[in-house]
Amino acid sequence: MKFTELADDGEDSEHSPAERIAAASRSTWVSVGVNLVLTITQIVVGVVAKSQGLIADGIHSLSDLVADFVVLFASYHSKKDADADHPYGHQRFETAASLVLGTLLLAVGIGMLWSAARKLEAPETVQTVHILALWVAAGALIAKELLFRYMLSVAKRVKSSMLVANAWHARSDAASSLVVGIGIIGNLAGYPILDPIAALIVGFMVTKMGWGFSWDALHDLMDRAVDEQEVQAIRQTLLETPGVSDVHDVHTRKMGDMIVVDAHIEVDATITVEAGHDIAVAARQRVLQRHRVLNLMTHVDPWRRPDLDHPARTASPQAH
């Protein structure tokens, strides 16, 4: 799920960075509590009930618990003010956290695939599970689905892509618990091999999600631009600024959940440098107020009416 699914117009003027960080912290601590209980319950019952699928789901919950602490760590550091070494702030701590989270999931998923494959190589070693495992799997499914709905509602409210990633991670956990439950039912019905097959499917789901998070975060760290819809919304805001005749060369790059923008604006060539600077400042303020933009650098170009014969353009001033 992309950030653009959260907002129709690309604007987020309702919540300050501090409010978004507070919301992220609250929802993540709820996730910590849920995943801590699930991790202990699933692994202990999985060992007692001899269910590899439930143990795999418990390890998945453990990876969620570690991921929650990564999110908390990122939220704490991303709220730091800009300094000499980080003039644009520390928002990319969130992107780095997503990369760590994805790498963690990738490693856990590959380990789960390996363990399940070893079991499938020796199906005679697969034992019949205890019915208690089924009840725990059902409880985990309900808990994870409720956690997903809660976290996604918070993510939509404060428009945080990192929280969206964590919420959909919880939804994948619910799906994995469903698969594990089906595998346990099959095992109890006389098909023991279905339990390690369920563990294999869970491992594949975890691996796929880990790869997706890692790949997206890696692109964001390489200054990936935001989607065209959001670029056009920023461009329109610039065009609507009084005194701006046209806008071109709008370039964006992601900085955590925020955006850094460079743009060229055209103003009347006959006005003073001071007046052109004031227009650029007004344009910047409008963009920062209406969009999730961290900083906007404007380059002012002179504009002349095409029906008038004027001397060649002189060097254009820059506004910051």
C-alpha atoms as a PDB file:
ATOM      1  CA  MET A   1       0.000   0.000   0.000  1.00  0.00           C
ATOM      2  CA  LYS A   2       1.469   3.306  -1.089  1.00  0.00           C
ATOM      3  CA  PHE A   3       1.293   6.624   0.710  1.00  0.00           C
ATOM      4  CA  THR A   4      -0.861   8.088  -2.061  1.00  0.00           C
ATOM      5  CA  GLU A   5      -3.680   5.786  -0.986  1.00  0.00           C
ATOM      6  CA  LEU A   6      -3.873   7.734   2.243  1.00  0.00           C
ATOM      7  CA  ALA A   7      -4.553  11.164   0.834  1.00  0.00           C
ATOM      8  CA  ASP A   8      -6.609  12.305  -2.128  1.00  0.00           C
ATOM      9  CA  ASP A   9      -4.809  15.603  -2.640  1.00  0.00           C
ATOM     10  CA  GLY A  10      -1.311  14.973  -1.284  1.00  0.00           C
ATOM     11  CA  GLU A  11      -1.830  17.454   1.553  1.00  0.00           C
ATOM     12  CA  ASP A  12      -1.380  16.932   5.273  1.00  0.00           C
ATOM     13  CA  SER A  13      -1.970  20.183   7.066  1.00  0.00           C
ATOM     14  CA  GLU A  14      -3.993  18.687   9.916  1.00  0.00           C
ATOM     15  CA  HIS A  15      -1.213  17.061  11.936  1.00  0.00           C
ATOM     16  CA  SER A  16       2.129  18.398  13.072  1.00  0.00           C
ATOM     17  CA  PRO A  17       5.246  16.195  13.021  1.00  0.00           C
ATOM     18  CA  ALA A  18       5.016  15.958  16.825  1.00  0.00           C
ATOM     19  CA  GLU A  19       1.428  14.663  16.621  1.00  0.00           C
ATOM     20  CA  ARG A  20       2.400  12.091  14.028  1.00  0.00           C
ATOM     21  CA  ILE A  21       5.310  10.877  16.157  1.00  0.00           C
ATOM     22  CA  ALA A  22       3.080  10.627  19.253  1.00  0.00           C
ATOM     23  CA  ALA A  23       0.478   8.628  17.320  1.00  0.00           C
ATOM     24  CA  ALA A  24       3.186   6.322  15.962  1.00  0.00           C
ATOM     25  CA  SER A  25       4.525   5.753  19.470  1.00  0.00           C
ATOM     26  CA  ARG A  26       1.109   4.931  20.965  1.00  0.00           C
ATOM     27  CA  SER A  27       0.081   2.516  18.234  1.00  0.00           C
ATOM     28  CA  THR A  28       3.482   0.830  18.226  1.00  0.00           C
ATOM     29  CA  TRP A  29       3.397   0.246  21.985  1.00  0.00           C
ATOM     30  CA  VAL A  30      -0.008  -1.416  21.539  1.00  0.00           C
ATOM     31  CA  SER A  31       1.598  -3.626  18.893  1.00  0.00           C
ATOM     32  CA  VAL A  32       4.482  -4.419  21.276  1.00  0.00           C
ATOM     33  CA  GLY A  33       2.036  -5.649  23.923  1.00  0.00           C
ATOM     34  CA  VAL A  34       0.078  -7.804  21.485  1.00  0.00           C
ATOM     35  CA  ASN A  35       3.166  -9.310  19.848  1.00  0.00           C
ATOM     36  CA  LEU A  36       4.842 -10.022  23.173  1.00  0.00           C
ATOM     37  CA  VAL A  37       1.855 -12.068  24.353  1.00  0.00           C
ATOM     38  CA  LEU A  38       1.524 -13.832  20.986  1.00  0.00           C
ATOM     39  CA  THR A  39       5.237 -14.659  20.740  1.00  0.00           C
ATOM     40  CA  ILE A  40       5.358 -16.352  24.130  1.00  0.00           C
ATOM     41  CA  THR A  41       2.021 -18.143  23.698  1.00  0.00           C
ATOM     42  CA  GLN A  42       2.612 -19.383  20.146  1.00  0.00           C
ATOM     43  CA  ILE A  43       6.152 -20.662  20.674  1.00  0.00           C
ATOM     44  CA  VAL A  44       5.405 -22.348  24.021  1.00  0.00           C
ATOM     45  CA  VAL A  45       2.163 -23.964  22.824  1.00  0.00           C
ATOM     46  CA  GLY A  46       3.765 -24.820  19.472  1.00  0.00           C
ATOM     47  CA  VAL A  47       6.519 -26.778  21.228  1.00  0.00           C
ATOM     48  CA  VAL A  48       4.094 -28.481  23.616  1.00  0.00           C
ATOM     49  CA  ALA A  49       1.522 -29.234  20.894  1.00  0.00           C
ATOM     50  CA  LYS A  50       4.241 -30.292  18.386  1.00  0.00           C
ATOM     51  CA  SER A  51       3.142 -27.831  15.704  1.00  0.00           C
ATOM     52  CA  GLN A  52       5.913 -26.509  13.474  1.00  0.00           C
ATOM     53  CA  GLY A  53       3.436 -24.151  11.836  1.00  0.00           C
ATOM     54  CA  LEU A  54       2.531 -22.533  15.158  1.00  0.00           C
ATOM     55  CA  ILE A  55       6.212 -22.235  16.107  1.00  0.00           C
ATOM     56  CA  ALA A  56       6.878 -20.544  12.743  1.00  0.00           C
ATOM     57  CA  ASP A  57       4.021 -18.135  13.405  1.00  0.00           C
ATOM     58  CA  GLY A  58       5.471 -17.447  16.855  1.00  0.00           C
ATOM     59  CA  ILE A  59       8.849 -16.632  15.319  1.00  0.00           C
ATOM     60  CA  HIS A  60       6.996 -14.341  12.921  1.00  0.00           C
ATOM     61  CA  SER A  61       5.433 -12.587  15.923  1.00  0.00           C
ATOM     62  CA  LEU A  62       8.900 -12.309  17.495  1.00  0.00           C
ATOM     63  CA  SER A  63      10.182 -10.595  14.352  1.00  0.00           C
ATOM     64  CA  ASP A  64       7.211  -8.223  14.655  1.00  0.00           C
ATOM     65  CA  LEU A  65       8.229  -7.445  18.213  1.00  0.00           C
ATOM     66  CA  VAL A  66      11.758  -6.579  17.096  1.00  0.00           C
ATOM     67  CA  ALA A  67      10.310  -4.531  14.218  1.00  0.00           C
ATOM     68  CA  ASP A  68       8.144  -2.584  16.674  1.00  0.00           C
ATOM     69  CA  PHE A  69      11.227  -1.553  18.629  1.00  0.00           C
ATOM     70  CA  VAL A  70      12.915  -0.522  15.363  1.00  0.00           C
ATOM     71  CA  VAL A  71       9.910   1.720  14.629  1.00  0.00           C
ATOM     72  CA  LEU A  72      10.064   3.225  18.132  1.00  0.00           C
ATOM     73  CA  PHE A  73      13.779   3.868  17.707  1.00  0.00           C
ATOM     74  CA  ALA A  74      13.196   5.551  14.339  1.00  0.00           C
ATOM     75  CA  SER A  75      10.312   7.659  15.656  1.00  0.00           C
ATOM     76  CA  TYR A  76      12.473   8.915  18.510  1.00  0.00           C
ATOM     77  CA  HIS A  77      15.419   9.884  16.303  1.00  0.00           C
ATOM     78  CA  SER A  78      13.414  11.262  13.360  1.00  0.00           C
ATOM     79  CA  LYS A  79      11.914  14.009  15.553  1.00  0.00           C
ATOM     80  CA  LYS A  80      15.339  15.557  16.217  1.00  0.00           C
ATOM     81  CA  ASP A  81      15.829  19.029  14.815  1.00  0.00           C
ATOM     82  CA  ALA A  82      18.144  19.757  11.900  1.00  0.00           C
ATOM     83  CA  ASP A  83      21.804  20.254  12.773  1.00  0.00           C
ATOM     84  CA  ALA A  84      25.094  20.973  11.003  1.00  0.00           C
ATOM     85  CA  ASP A  85      25.502  17.352   9.916  1.00  0.00           C
ATOM     86  CA  HIS A  86      21.824  16.894   8.963  1.00  0.00           C
ATOM     87  CA  PRO A  87      20.598  20.237   7.565  1.00  0.00           C
ATOM     88  CA  TYR A  88      17.325  18.677   6.373  1.00  0.00           C
ATOM     89  CA  GLY A  89      16.613  16.964   9.681  1.00  0.00           C
ATOM     90  CA  HIS A  90      16.573  13.284  10.616  1.00  0.00           C
ATOM     91  CA  GLN A  91      13.422  12.092   8.831  1.00  0.00           C
ATOM     92  CA  ARG A  92      15.316   9.426   6.939  1.00  0.00           C
ATOM     93  CA  PHE A  93      15.672   7.488  10.157  1.00  0.00           C
ATOM     94  CA  GLU A  94      12.198   6.200   9.229  1.00  0.00           C
ATOM     95  CA  THR A  95      13.434   5.006   5.839  1.00  0.00           C
ATOM     96  CA  ALA A  96      16.457   3.379   7.447  1.00  0.00           C
ATOM     97  CA  ALA A  97      14.112   1.681   9.925  1.00  0.00           C
ATOM     98  CA  SER A  98      12.038   0.299   7.058  1.00  0.00           C
ATOM     99  CA  LEU A  99      15.229  -1.067   5.479  1.00  0.00           C
ATOM    100  CA  VAL A 100      16.244  -2.746   8.752  1.00  0.00           C
ATOM    101  CA  LEU A 101      12.724  -4.113   9.193  1.00  0.00           C
ATOM    102  CA  GLY A 102      12.714  -5.502   5.659  1.00  0.00           C
ATOM    103  CA  THR A 103      16.153  -7.084   6.041  1.00  0.00           C
ATOM    104  CA  LEU A 104      15.066  -8.664   9.325  1.00  0.00           C
ATOM    105  CA  LEU A 105      11.943 -10.130   7.749  1.00  0.00           C
ATOM    106  CA  LEU A 106      13.953 -11.401   4.791  1.00  0.00           C
ATOM    107  CA  ALA A 107      16.397 -13.219   7.069  1.00  0.00           C
ATOM    108  CA  VAL A 108      13.628 -14.671   9.248  1.00  0.00           C
ATOM    109  CA  GLY A 109      11.647 -15.779   6.185  1.00  0.00           C
ATOM    110  CA  ILE A 110      14.602 -17.588   4.629  1.00  0.00           C
ATOM    111  CA  GLY A 111      15.264 -19.357   7.943  1.00  0.00           C
ATOM    112  CA  MET A 112      11.638 -20.469   8.136  1.00  0.00           C
ATOM    113  CA  LEU A 113      11.733 -21.759   4.558  1.00  0.00           C
ATOM    114  CA  TRP A 114      14.857 -23.764   5.324  1.00  0.00           C
ATOM    115  CA  SER A 115      13.370 -25.300   8.484  1.00  0.00           C
ATOM    116  CA  ALA A 116      10.102 -26.242   6.766  1.00  0.00           C
ATOM    117  CA  ALA A 117      11.935 -27.702   3.764  1.00  0.00           C
ATOM    118  CA  ARG A 118      13.976 -29.947   6.075  1.00  0.00           C
ATOM    119  CA  LYS A 119      10.761 -31.274   7.591  1.00  0.00           C
ATOM    120  CA  LEU A 120       9.239 -31.930   4.183  1.00  0.00           C
ATOM    121  CA  GLU A 121      12.325 -33.936   3.226  1.00  0.00           C
ATOM    122  CA  ALA A 122      11.512 -36.332   6.086  1.00  0.00           C
ATOM    123  CA  PRO A 123       7.674 -36.417   6.280  1.00  0.00           C
ATOM    124  CA  GLU A 124       7.758 -39.482   8.522  1.00  0.00           C
ATOM    125  CA  THR A 125       9.128 -37.296  11.323  1.00  0.00           C
ATOM    126  CA  VAL A 126       6.075 -35.012  11.291  1.00  0.00           C
ATOM    127  CA  GLN A 127       3.896 -35.668  14.341  1.00  0.00           C
ATOM    128  CA  THR A 128       0.185 -35.170  14.952  1.00  0.00           C
ATOM    129  CA  VAL A 129      -0.387 -31.874  16.739  1.00  0.00           C
ATOM    130  CA  HIS A 130      -2.540 -31.264  19.801  1.00  0.00           C
ATOM    131  CA  ILE A 131      -5.868 -29.477  19.287  1.00  0.00           C
ATOM    132  CA  LEU A 132      -4.683 -26.713  21.655  1.00  0.00           C
ATOM    133  CA  ALA A 133      -2.541 -25.458  18.799  1.00  0.00           C
ATOM    134  CA  LEU A 134      -5.673 -24.800  16.739  1.00  0.00           C
ATOM    135  CA  TRP A 135      -7.240 -22.651  19.456  1.00  0.00           C
ATOM    136  CA  VAL A 136      -4.061 -20.608  19.820  1.00  0.00           C
ATOM    137  CA  ALA A 137      -3.837 -20.120  16.039  1.00  0.00           C
ATOM    138  CA  ALA A 138      -7.460 -18.922  15.974  1.00  0.00           C
ATOM    139  CA  GLY A 139      -6.815 -16.493  18.838  1.00  0.00           C
ATOM    140  CA  ALA A 140      -3.705 -15.169  17.092  1.00  0.00           C
ATOM    141  CA  LEU A 141      -5.675 -14.634  13.880  1.00  0.00           C
ATOM    142  CA  ILE A 142      -8.295 -12.534  15.652  1.00  0.00           C
ATOM    143  CA  ALA A 143      -5.719 -10.541  17.631  1.00  0.00           C
ATOM    144  CA  LYS A 144      -3.614  -9.733  14.542  1.00  0.00           C
ATOM    145  CA  GLU A 145      -6.596  -8.708  12.432  1.00  0.00           C
ATOM    146  CA  LEU A 146      -7.807  -6.347  15.167  1.00  0.00           C
ATOM    147  CA  LEU A 147      -4.282  -4.952  15.513  1.00  0.00           C
ATOM    148  CA  PHE A 148      -4.112  -4.365  11.750  1.00  0.00           C
ATOM    149  CA  ARG A 149      -7.393  -2.441  11.689  1.00  0.00           C
ATOM    150  CA  TYR A 150      -6.327  -0.291  14.641  1.00  0.00           C
ATOM    151  CA  MET A 151      -2.866   0.519  13.251  1.00  0.00           C
ATOM    152  CA  LEU A 152      -4.154   1.269   9.744  1.00  0.00           C
ATOM    153  CA  SER A 153      -6.767   3.682  11.114  1.00  0.00           C
ATOM    154  CA  VAL A 154      -4.008   5.553  12.978  1.00  0.00           C
ATOM    155  CA  ALA A 155      -1.757   5.537   9.889  1.00  0.00           C
ATOM    156  CA  LYS A 156      -4.539   7.014   7.737  1.00  0.00           C
ATOM    157  CA  ARG A 157      -5.332   9.651  10.343  1.00  0.00           C
ATOM    158  CA  VAL A 158      -1.761  10.954  10.636  1.00  0.00           C
ATOM    159  CA  LYS A 159      -0.658   9.946   7.109  1.00  0.00           C
ATOM    160  CA  SER A 160       2.482   7.984   7.984  1.00  0.00           C
ATOM    161  CA  SER A 161       3.911   5.562   5.410  1.00  0.00           C
ATOM    162  CA  MET A 162       6.028   3.856   8.084  1.00  0.00           C
ATOM    163  CA  LEU A 163       2.872   3.123  10.125  1.00  0.00           C
ATOM    164  CA  VAL A 164       1.144   1.901   6.979  1.00  0.00           C
ATOM    165  CA  ALA A 165       3.998  -0.560   6.437  1.00  0.00           C
ATOM    166  CA  ASN A 166       3.762  -1.737  10.032  1.00  0.00           C
ATOM    167  CA  ALA A 167      -0.044  -2.062   9.802  1.00  0.00           C
ATOM    168  CA  TRP A 168       0.090  -4.182   6.655  1.00  0.00           C
ATOM    169  CA  HIS A 169       2.800  -6.211   8.318  1.00  0.00           C
ATOM    170  CA  ALA A 170       0.185  -7.013  10.987  1.00  0.00           C
ATOM    171  CA  ARG A 171      -2.286  -7.977   8.239  1.00  0.00           C
ATOM    172  CA  SER A 172       0.280 -10.375   6.768  1.00  0.00           C
ATOM    173  CA  ASP A 173       0.595 -11.861  10.248  1.00  0.00           C
ATOM    174  CA  ALA A 174      -3.167 -12.444  10.322  1.00  0.00           C
ATOM    175  CA  ALA A 175      -2.924 -14.176   6.946  1.00  0.00           C
ATOM    176  CA  SER A 176      -0.063 -16.333   8.200  1.00  0.00           C
ATOM    177  CA  SER A 177      -2.099 -17.341  11.267  1.00  0.00           C
ATOM    178  CA  LEU A 178      -4.964 -18.320   8.943  1.00  0.00           C
ATOM    179  CA  VAL A 179      -2.608 -20.507   6.901  1.00  0.00           C
ATOM    180  CA  VAL A 180      -1.225 -22.070  10.088  1.00  0.00           C
ATOM    181  CA  GLY A 181      -4.766 -22.753  11.329  1.00  0.00           C
ATOM    182  CA  ILE A 182      -5.646 -24.518   8.078  1.00  0.00           C
ATOM    183  CA  GLY A 183      -2.451 -26.562   8.299  1.00  0.00           C
ATOM    184  CA  ILE A 184      -3.243 -27.609  11.876  1.00  0.00           C
ATOM    185  CA  ILE A 185      -6.791 -28.597  10.862  1.00  0.00           C
ATOM    186  CA  GLY A 186      -5.340 -30.727   8.055  1.00  0.00           C
ATOM    187  CA  ASN A 187      -2.886 -32.305  10.465  1.00  0.00           C
ATOM    188  CA  LEU A 188      -5.650 -33.156  12.906  1.00  0.00           C
ATOM    189  CA  ALA A 189      -7.733 -34.564  10.024  1.00  0.00           C
ATOM    190  CA  GLY A 190      -5.077 -37.153   9.278  1.00  0.00           C
ATOM    191  CA  TYR A 191      -2.717 -35.262   6.949  1.00  0.00           C
ATOM    192  CA  PRO A 192       0.298 -34.453   9.181  1.00  0.00           C
ATOM    193  CA  ILE A 193       2.332 -33.076   6.271  1.00  0.00           C
ATOM    194  CA  LEU A 194       0.015 -30.042   6.056  1.00  0.00           C
ATOM    195  CA  ASP A 195       1.501 -28.517   9.227  1.00  0.00           C
ATOM    196  CA  PRO A 196       5.055 -28.092   7.811  1.00  0.00           C
ATOM    197  CA  ILE A 197       3.511 -27.032   4.491  1.00  0.00           C
ATOM    198  CA  ALA A 198       1.754 -24.253   6.400  1.00  0.00           C
ATOM    199  CA  ALA A 199       5.102 -23.293   7.943  1.00  0.00           C
ATOM    200  CA  LEU A 200       6.614 -23.207   4.449  1.00  0.00           C
ATOM    201  CA  ILE A 201       3.866 -20.867   3.193  1.00  0.00           C
ATOM    202  CA  VAL A 202       4.344 -18.561   6.184  1.00  0.00           C
ATOM    203  CA  GLY A 203       8.077 -18.484   5.482  1.00  0.00           C
ATOM    204  CA  PHE A 204       7.413 -17.524   1.862  1.00  0.00           C
ATOM    205  CA  MET A 205       5.035 -14.721   2.940  1.00  0.00           C
ATOM    206  CA  VAL A 206       7.582 -13.315   5.385  1.00  0.00           C
ATOM    207  CA  THR A 207      10.374 -13.492   2.794  1.00  0.00           C
ATOM    208  CA  LYS A 208       8.277 -11.735   0.149  1.00  0.00           C
ATOM    209  CA  MET A 209       7.288  -8.923   2.499  1.00  0.00           C
ATOM    210  CA  GLY A 210      10.864  -8.494   3.715  1.00  0.00           C
ATOM    211  CA  TRP A 211      12.080  -8.152   0.145  1.00  0.00           C
ATOM    212  CA  GLY A 212       9.366  -5.589  -0.650  1.00  0.00           C
ATOM    213  CA  PHE A 213      10.141  -3.394   2.364  1.00  0.00           C
ATOM    214  CA  SER A 214      13.899  -3.574   1.744  1.00  0.00           C
ATOM    215  CA  TRP A 215      13.587  -2.735  -1.952  1.00  0.00           C
ATOM    216  CA  ASP A 216      11.275   0.245  -1.366  1.00  0.00           C
ATOM    217  CA  ALA A 217      13.431   1.638   1.435  1.00  0.00           C
ATOM    218  CA  LEU A 218      16.573   1.253  -0.674  1.00  0.00           C
ATOM    219  CA  HIS A 219      15.003   3.286  -3.488  1.00  0.00           C
ATOM    220  CA  ASP A 220      13.884   5.980  -1.025  1.00  0.00           C
ATOM    221  CA  LEU A 221      17.414   6.252   0.329  1.00  0.00           C
ATOM    222  CA  MET A 222      18.550   6.858  -3.263  1.00  0.00           C
ATOM    223  CA  ASP A 223      16.333   9.972  -3.495  1.00  0.00           C
ATOM    224  CA  ARG A 224      13.363   8.413  -5.258  1.00  0.00           C
ATOM    225  CA  ALA A 225      10.795  10.980  -6.386  1.00  0.00           C
ATOM    226  CA  VAL A 226       7.208  10.961  -5.136  1.00  0.00           C
ATOM    227  CA  ASP A 227       4.419   9.888  -7.475  1.00  0.00           C
ATOM    228  CA  GLU A 228       3.282  12.126 -10.334  1.00  0.00           C
ATOM    229  CA  GLN A 229      -0.070  12.921  -8.705  1.00  0.00           C
ATOM    230  CA  GLU A 230       1.627  14.489  -5.705  1.00  0.00           C
ATOM    231  CA  VAL A 231       4.116  16.368  -7.914  1.00  0.00           C
ATOM    232  CA  GLN A 232       1.223  17.867  -9.872  1.00  0.00           C
ATOM    233  CA  ALA A 233      -0.518  18.909  -6.642  1.00  0.00           C
ATOM    234  CA  ILE A 234       2.622  20.777  -5.526  1.00  0.00           C
ATOM    235  CA  ARG A 235       2.986  22.342  -8.975  1.00  0.00           C
ATOM    236  CA  GLN A 236      -0.624  23.535  -8.866  1.00  0.00           C
ATOM    237  CA  THR A 237      -0.062  25.189  -5.496  1.00  0.00           C
ATOM    238  CA  LEU A 238       2.916  27.049  -6.949  1.00  0.00           C
ATOM    239  CA  LEU A 239       0.904  28.134  -9.990  1.00  0.00           C
ATOM    240  CA  GLU A 240      -1.868  29.494  -7.784  1.00  0.00           C
ATOM    241  CA  THR A 241       0.575  31.785  -5.948  1.00  0.00           C
ATOM    242  CA  PRO A 242      -0.084  35.428  -6.911  1.00  0.00           C
ATOM    243  CA  GLY A 243       2.683  36.689  -9.180  1.00  0.00           C
ATOM    244  CA  VAL A 244       3.751  33.264 -10.491  1.00  0.00           C
ATOM    245  CA  SER A 245       3.271  33.059 -14.271  1.00  0.00           C
ATOM    246  CA  ASP A 246       4.464  29.499 -14.829  1.00  0.00           C
ATOM    247  CA  VAL A 247       6.276  26.633 -13.153  1.00  0.00           C
ATOM    248  CA  HIS A 248       8.726  24.117 -14.591  1.00  0.00           C
ATOM    249  CA  ASP A 249      11.465  21.666 -13.595  1.00  0.00           C
ATOM    250  CA  VAL A 250       9.727  20.519 -10.411  1.00  0.00           C
ATOM    251  CA  HIS A 251      11.943  17.835  -8.866  1.00  0.00           C
ATOM    252  CA  THR A 252      11.186  15.926  -5.653  1.00  0.00           C
ATOM    253  CA  ARG A 253      12.951  13.459  -3.404  1.00  0.00           C
ATOM    254  CA  LYS A 254      11.653  11.624  -0.366  1.00  0.00           C
ATOM    255  CA  MET A 255      12.980  12.379   3.099  1.00  0.00           C
ATOM    256  CA  GLY A 256      11.264   9.826   5.329  1.00  0.00           C
ATOM    257  CA  ASP A 257       7.568  10.680   5.074  1.00  0.00           C
ATOM    258  CA  MET A 258       8.420  14.223   3.999  1.00  0.00           C
ATOM    259  CA  ILE A 259       9.471  15.647   0.619  1.00  0.00           C
ATOM    260  CA  VAL A 260      12.271  17.975  -0.477  1.00  0.00           C
ATOM    261  CA  VAL A 261      11.369  19.977  -3.594  1.00  0.00           C
ATOM    262  CA  ASP A 262      13.309  22.011  -6.181  1.00  0.00           C
ATOM    263  CA  ALA A 263      11.306  24.131  -8.620  1.00  0.00           C
ATOM    264  CA  HIS A 264      11.689  26.925 -11.157  1.00  0.00           C
ATOM    265  CA  ILE A 265       9.015  29.633 -11.032  1.00  0.00           C
ATOM    266  CA  GLU A 266       8.528  32.348 -13.633  1.00  0.00           C
ATOM    267  CA  VAL A 267       7.684  35.914 -12.572  1.00  0.00           C
ATOM    268  CA  ASP A 268       7.235  39.190 -14.439  1.00  0.00           C
ATOM    269  CA  ALA A 269      10.654  40.266 -15.760  1.00  0.00           C
ATOM    270  CA  THR A 270       9.867  43.956 -15.220  1.00  0.00           C
ATOM    271  CA  ILE A 271       9.468  43.778 -11.433  1.00  0.00           C
ATOM    272  CA  THR A 272      12.298  44.335  -8.973  1.00  0.00           C
ATOM    273  CA  VAL A 273      14.515  41.608  -7.584  1.00  0.00           C
ATOM    274  CA  GLU A 274      12.968  42.216  -4.159  1.00  0.00           C
ATOM    275  CA  ALA A 275       9.454  41.742  -5.512  1.00  0.00           C
ATOM    276  CA  GLY A 276      10.500  38.515  -7.250  1.00  0.00           C
ATOM    277  CA  HIS A 277      12.042  37.295  -4.009  1.00  0.00           C
ATOM    278  CA  ASP A 278       8.823  38.046  -2.102  1.00  0.00           C
ATOM    279  CA  ILE A 279       6.810  36.009  -4.607  1.00  0.00           C
ATOM    280  CA  ALA A 280       9.209  33.085  -4.211  1.00  0.00           C
ATOM    281  CA  VAL A 281       8.940  33.285  -0.411  1.00  0.00           C
ATOM    282  CA  ALA A 282       5.131  33.328  -0.625  1.00  0.00           C
ATOM    283  CA  ALA A 283       5.177  30.319  -2.963  1.00  0.00           C
ATOM    284  CA  ARG A 284       7.416  28.403  -0.584  1.00  0.00           C
ATOM    285  CA  GLN A 285       5.192  29.147   2.420  1.00  0.00           C
ATOM    286  CA  ARG A 286       2.075  28.008   0.565  1.00  0.00           C
ATOM    287  CA  VAL A 287       3.671  24.700  -0.402  1.00  0.00           C
ATOM    288  CA  LEU A 288       5.000  24.027   3.120  1.00  0.00           C
ATOM    289  CA  GLN A 289       1.560  24.747   4.600  1.00  0.00           C
ATOM    290  CA  ARG A 290      -0.436  22.619   2.166  1.00  0.00           C
ATOM    291  CA  HIS A 291       1.812  19.638   1.521  1.00  0.00           C
ATOM    292  CA  ARG A 292       4.103  17.263   3.424  1.00  0.00           C
ATOM    293  CA  VAL A 293       7.082  19.237   2.126  1.00  0.00           C
ATOM    294  CA  LEU A 294      10.095  19.671   4.390  1.00  0.00           C
ATOM    295  CA  ASN A 295      11.861  22.252   2.236  1.00  0.00           C
ATOM    296  CA  LEU A 296      11.339  23.981  -1.108  1.00  0.00           C
ATOM    297  CA  MET A 297      14.185  25.588  -3.059  1.00  0.00           C
ATOM    298  CA  THR A 298      12.942  27.968  -5.759  1.00  0.00           C
ATOM    299  CA  HIS A 299      14.794  29.356  -8.748  1.00  0.00           C
ATOM    300  CA  VAL A 300      13.224  32.544 -10.099  1.00  0.00           C
ATOM    301  CA  ASP A 301      13.139  32.933 -13.899  1.00  0.00           C
ATOM    302  CA  PRO A 302      12.071  36.170 -15.652  1.00  0.00           C
ATOM    303  CA  TRP A 303       8.897  35.957 -17.742  1.00  0.00           C
ATOM    304  CA  ARG A 304       8.014  38.378 -20.550  1.00  0.00           C
ATOM    305  CA  ARG A 305       4.793  38.668 -22.482  1.00  0.00           C
ATOM    306  CA  PRO A 306       5.397  37.030 -25.863  1.00  0.00           C
ATOM    307  CA  ASP A 307       3.642  39.874 -27.733  1.00  0.00           C
ATOM    308  CA  LEU A 308       6.164  42.451 -26.463  1.00  0.00           C
ATOM    309  CA  ASP A 309       9.606  42.984 -27.918  1.00  0.00           C
ATOM    310  CA  HIS A 310      12.024  43.189 -24.995  1.00  0.00           C
ATOM    311  CA  PRO A 311      15.806  43.036 -24.779  1.00  0.00           C
ATOM    312  CA  ALA A 312      17.416  39.694 -24.059  1.00  0.00           C
ATOM    313  CA  ARG A 313      16.881  38.263 -20.617  1.00  0.00           C
ATOM    314  CA  THR A 314      19.373  39.048 -17.928  1.00  0.00           C
ATOM    315  CA  ALA A 315      20.647  36.667 -15.280  1.00  0.00           C
ATOM    316  CA  SER A 316      17.862  35.542 -12.969  1.00  0.00           C
ATOM    317  CA  PRO A 317      17.988  35.846  -9.177  1.00  0.00           C
ATOM    318  CA  GLN A 318      17.644  32.862  -6.904  1.00  0.00           C
ATOM    319  CA  ALA A 319      15.361  32.725  -3.903  1.00  0.00           C
ATOM    320  CA  HIS A 320      15.800  30.440  -0.967  1.00  0.00           C
END
